Amino acid sequence: MTYIVTVQTAVTAFAEWVEPTDAELDAIELESPLILAEVDLLDAQIMTLDRPENEVDTRRIRRARNRVLTARRDLANRTAGASTAGGAA
């Protein structure tokens, strides 16, 4: 007979009292504009799944893609500026 045993360390590793660190929360806050832009793009693409694209849908998707690209550029510029600040001249 095989017994099923719970693994205590795996259960307690993700306990409710484990909170994200301040650095993790800052990273999420920094990436939130990109996340929201990607959600908007996904919403625009989902709306066109069950019907053929019309001109309005095409514009909506194009604008959403542009917002994603802009958010990615801004995030890359922010993180690149943060990592080079204070470096050797």
Protein backbone atom coordinates (compact mmCIF):
# COMPACT_ATOMS: atom_id res chain seq x y z
CA MET A 1 0.00 0.00 0.00
CA THR A 2 1.29 3.46 -0.90
CA TYR A 3 0.71 6.29 1.51
CA ILE A 4 0.11 9.85 0.39
CA VAL A 5 2.14 12.24 2.51
CA THR A 6 2.03 16.03 2.39
CA VAL A 7 5.25 17.92 2.03
CA GLN A 8 5.29 20.42 4.87
CA THR A 9 8.04 22.66 3.45
CA ALA A 10 6.26 23.09 0.13
CA VAL A 11 3.04 24.05 1.90
CA THR A 12 4.62 26.56 4.26
CA ALA A 13 6.93 28.04 1.62
CA PHE A 14 3.99 29.98 0.22
CA ALA A 15 2.31 30.95 3.46
CA GLU A 16 0.10 34.02 3.64
CA TRP A 17 2.58 35.92 5.80
CA VAL A 18 5.18 35.94 3.05
CA GLU A 19 4.90 39.42 1.52
CA PRO A 20 6.63 40.84 -1.54
CA THR A 21 9.66 42.94 -0.76
CA ASP A 22 9.81 46.67 -1.37
CA ALA A 23 12.10 46.06 -4.35
CA GLU A 24 9.57 43.67 -5.90
CA LEU A 25 6.75 46.15 -5.40
CA ASP A 26 8.85 48.91 -6.97
CA ALA A 27 9.57 46.68 -9.98
CA ILE A 28 5.87 45.96 -10.41
CA GLU A 29 5.04 49.65 -10.17
CA LEU A 30 7.74 50.46 -12.72
CA GLU A 31 6.40 47.87 -15.18
CA SER A 32 2.68 48.62 -14.65
CA PRO A 33 2.30 50.98 -17.66
CA LEU A 34 3.68 48.25 -19.93
CA ILE A 35 1.44 45.62 -18.35
CA LEU A 36 -1.65 47.79 -18.82
CA ALA A 37 -0.72 48.55 -22.44
CA GLU A 38 -0.29 44.83 -23.15
CA VAL A 39 -3.68 44.11 -21.57
CA ASP A 40 -5.28 46.74 -23.83
CA LEU A 41 -3.64 45.13 -26.88
CA LEU A 42 -4.87 41.72 -25.83
CA ASP A 43 -8.39 43.08 -25.34
CA ALA A 44 -8.33 44.61 -28.81
CA GLN A 45 -7.15 41.33 -30.32
CA ILE A 46 -9.73 39.28 -28.43
CA MET A 47 -12.55 41.46 -29.76
CA THR A 48 -11.63 40.49 -33.32
CA LEU A 49 -11.46 36.73 -32.76
CA ASP A 50 -15.05 35.90 -33.65
CA ARG A 51 -15.56 38.35 -36.50
CA PRO A 52 -13.62 39.68 -39.45
CA GLU A 53 -11.60 42.80 -38.75
CA ASN A 54 -13.05 46.08 -39.91
CA GLU A 55 -11.35 49.46 -40.16
CA VAL A 56 -12.17 50.43 -36.57
CA ASP A 57 -10.72 47.17 -35.22
CA THR A 58 -7.59 47.61 -37.30
CA ARG A 59 -7.08 51.12 -35.93
CA ARG A 60 -7.76 49.98 -32.38
CA ILE A 61 -5.15 47.21 -32.64
CA ARG A 62 -2.62 49.53 -34.29
CA ARG A 63 -3.05 52.14 -31.55
CA ALA A 64 -2.75 49.47 -28.86
CA ARG A 65 0.47 48.15 -30.45
CA ASN A 66 1.87 51.66 -30.55
CA ARG A 67 1.06 52.11 -26.85
CA VAL A 68 2.87 48.84 -26.06
CA LEU A 69 5.92 49.92 -28.04
CA THR A 70 5.92 53.32 -26.33
CA ALA A 71 5.64 51.73 -22.89
CA ARG A 72 8.48 49.30 -23.70
CA ARG A 73 10.66 52.17 -24.91
CA ASP A 74 9.94 54.23 -21.80
CA LEU A 75 10.65 51.26 -19.53
CA ALA A 76 13.91 50.47 -21.33
CA ASN A 77 15.01 54.11 -21.11
CA ARG A 78 14.16 54.28 -17.38
CA THR A 79 16.00 51.07 -16.53
CA ALA A 80 18.99 51.96 -18.72
CA GLY A 81 19.25 55.37 -17.09
CA ALA A 82 19.01 53.87 -13.62
CA SER A 83 21.78 51.33 -14.23
CA THR A 84 24.25 53.82 -15.72
CA ALA A 85 23.73 56.57 -13.17
CA GLY A 86 26.81 57.15 -11.06
CA GLY A 87 29.08 55.17 -13.34
CA ALA A 88 32.57 56.04 -14.45
CA ALA A 89 32.84 58.95 -16.87
